[in-house]
């Protein structure tokens, strides 16, 4: 799948809220090259937040940024919040054909990184 190719994913209003909050937290640490993507993603999730279910169309590059934001949330979250972030990240990884690879268990580092499947 090309980085610019888009796919649609259906989310609940709660999942959209998790994504938006994760992006908001990620924005402060994100490199400058991701700032515009984060702003666009936040707007996409915010415009649909009032619906019970929504469908968002994301590119693979946008999904990569969102997955990084969800990984950061997992590190800081506990209990059900952590589970929901993990479930949502896994849905995005599956939808966009990323594979999950274990890395450092350091609390400051993400537990997985998105990578292309062979």
Protein backbone atom coordinates (compact mmCIF):
# COMPACT_ATOMS: atom_id res chain seq x y z
CA UNK A 1 0.00 0.00 0.00
CA UNK A 2 1.35 3.43 -0.98
CA UNK A 3 1.75 6.12 1.71
CA UNK A 4 -0.72 8.41 -0.09
CA UNK A 5 -3.37 5.72 -0.72
CA UNK A 6 -6.35 6.17 1.57
CA UNK A 7 -8.64 3.72 3.29
CA UNK A 8 -11.80 4.23 5.28
CA UNK A 9 -12.26 3.06 8.83
CA UNK A 10 -15.45 3.19 10.86
CA UNK A 11 -15.21 4.37 14.46
CA UNK A 12 -17.57 4.95 17.35
CA UNK A 13 -17.84 8.43 18.80
CA UNK A 14 -15.83 7.22 21.81
CA UNK A 15 -13.06 5.85 19.58
CA UNK A 16 -12.92 9.18 17.73
CA UNK A 17 -12.56 10.94 21.09
CA UNK A 18 -9.67 8.63 22.06
CA UNK A 19 -7.98 9.35 18.73
CA UNK A 20 -8.47 13.11 19.05
CA UNK A 21 -7.17 13.21 22.64
CA UNK A 22 -4.17 11.08 21.67
CA UNK A 23 -3.34 13.41 18.79
CA UNK A 24 -3.67 16.44 21.06
CA UNK A 25 -1.16 14.96 23.53
CA UNK A 26 1.16 13.83 20.73
CA UNK A 27 1.20 17.25 19.07
CA UNK A 28 3.48 18.85 21.67
CA UNK A 29 6.24 16.29 21.07
CA UNK A 30 5.74 15.70 17.35
CA UNK A 31 8.32 16.88 14.85
CA UNK A 32 7.45 19.91 12.74
CA UNK A 33 6.84 17.75 9.67
CA UNK A 34 3.93 16.03 11.49
CA UNK A 35 2.25 19.21 12.77
CA UNK A 36 0.08 19.83 9.69
CA UNK A 37 -0.95 16.18 9.55
CA UNK A 38 -1.93 16.25 13.22
CA UNK A 39 -3.97 19.43 12.72
CA UNK A 40 -5.79 17.85 9.76
CA UNK A 41 -6.46 14.64 11.70
CA UNK A 42 -7.76 16.52 14.75
CA UNK A 43 -10.15 18.44 12.49
CA UNK A 44 -11.38 15.25 10.81
CA UNK A 45 -12.13 13.58 14.13
CA UNK A 46 -13.62 16.75 15.68
CA UNK A 47 -16.03 17.37 12.80
CA UNK A 48 -17.49 13.91 13.19
CA UNK A 49 -17.42 13.62 16.99
CA UNK A 50 -21.12 14.28 17.51
CA UNK A 51 -22.14 11.17 15.56
CA UNK A 52 -22.54 7.76 17.19
CA UNK A 53 -20.60 6.13 14.34
CA UNK A 54 -18.35 7.81 11.84
CA UNK A 55 -16.23 6.84 8.90
CA UNK A 56 -12.92 8.59 8.36
CA UNK A 57 -10.72 8.32 5.30
CA UNK A 58 -7.01 8.30 6.12
CA UNK A 59 -3.84 7.84 4.15
CA UNK A 60 -1.22 5.36 5.30
CA UNK A 61 1.01 8.31 6.29
CA UNK A 62 -1.80 9.78 8.43
CA UNK A 63 -2.43 6.38 10.01
CA UNK A 64 1.26 6.15 10.91
CA UNK A 65 1.03 9.47 12.83
CA UNK A 66 -2.19 8.37 14.56
CA UNK A 67 -0.67 5.03 15.58
CA UNK A 68 2.32 6.84 17.10
CA UNK A 69 -0.07 9.05 19.09
CA UNK A 70 -2.02 6.02 20.33
CA UNK A 71 1.22 4.28 21.35
CA UNK A 72 2.16 7.27 23.50
CA UNK A 73 -1.26 7.14 25.13
CA UNK A 74 -0.85 3.43 25.94
CA UNK A 75 2.40 4.11 27.80
CA UNK A 76 0.67 6.65 30.07
CA UNK A 77 -2.75 4.99 30.37
CA UNK A 78 -3.86 2.33 32.81
CA UNK A 79 -6.71 -0.16 32.92
CA UNK A 80 -9.58 0.18 30.49
CA UNK A 81 -8.17 3.35 28.90
CA UNK A 82 -4.97 1.49 28.01
CA UNK A 83 -6.98 -1.43 26.57
CA UNK A 84 -9.08 0.88 24.40
CA UNK A 85 -6.02 2.68 23.02
CA UNK A 86 -4.39 -0.69 22.27
CA UNK A 87 -7.52 -2.02 20.54
CA UNK A 88 -7.85 1.12 18.45
CA UNK A 89 -4.16 1.11 17.49
CA UNK A 90 -4.44 -2.54 16.45
CA UNK A 91 -7.48 -1.74 14.27
CA UNK A 92 -5.56 1.00 12.47
CA UNK A 93 -2.48 -1.21 12.10
CA UNK A 94 -4.58 -4.02 10.61
CA UNK A 95 -6.54 -1.71 8.31
CA UNK A 96 -3.36 -0.16 6.93
CA UNK A 97 -1.32 -3.39 6.75
CA UNK A 98 1.24 -2.45 9.38
CA UNK A 99 2.91 -5.25 11.30
CA UNK A 100 3.51 -4.98 15.02
CA UNK A 101 7.05 -5.58 16.24
CA UNK A 102 8.06 -5.69 19.88
CA UNK A 103 10.71 -3.20 20.94
CA UNK A 104 12.01 -1.81 24.20
CA UNK A 105 9.80 -2.14 27.27
CA UNK A 106 11.09 1.24 28.43
CA UNK A 107 8.14 3.24 29.80
CA UNK A 108 9.21 6.24 27.72
CA UNK A 109 9.38 4.29 24.45
CA UNK A 110 6.44 3.02 22.42
CA UNK A 111 5.90 -0.72 22.79
CA UNK A 112 5.54 -1.28 19.04
CA UNK A 113 6.28 0.49 15.81
CA UNK A 114 4.28 0.30 12.61
CA UNK A 115 6.14 -1.36 9.76
CA UNK A 116 5.21 -2.59 6.32
CA UNK A 117 4.29 -6.22 5.94
CA UNK A 118 6.43 -8.11 3.43
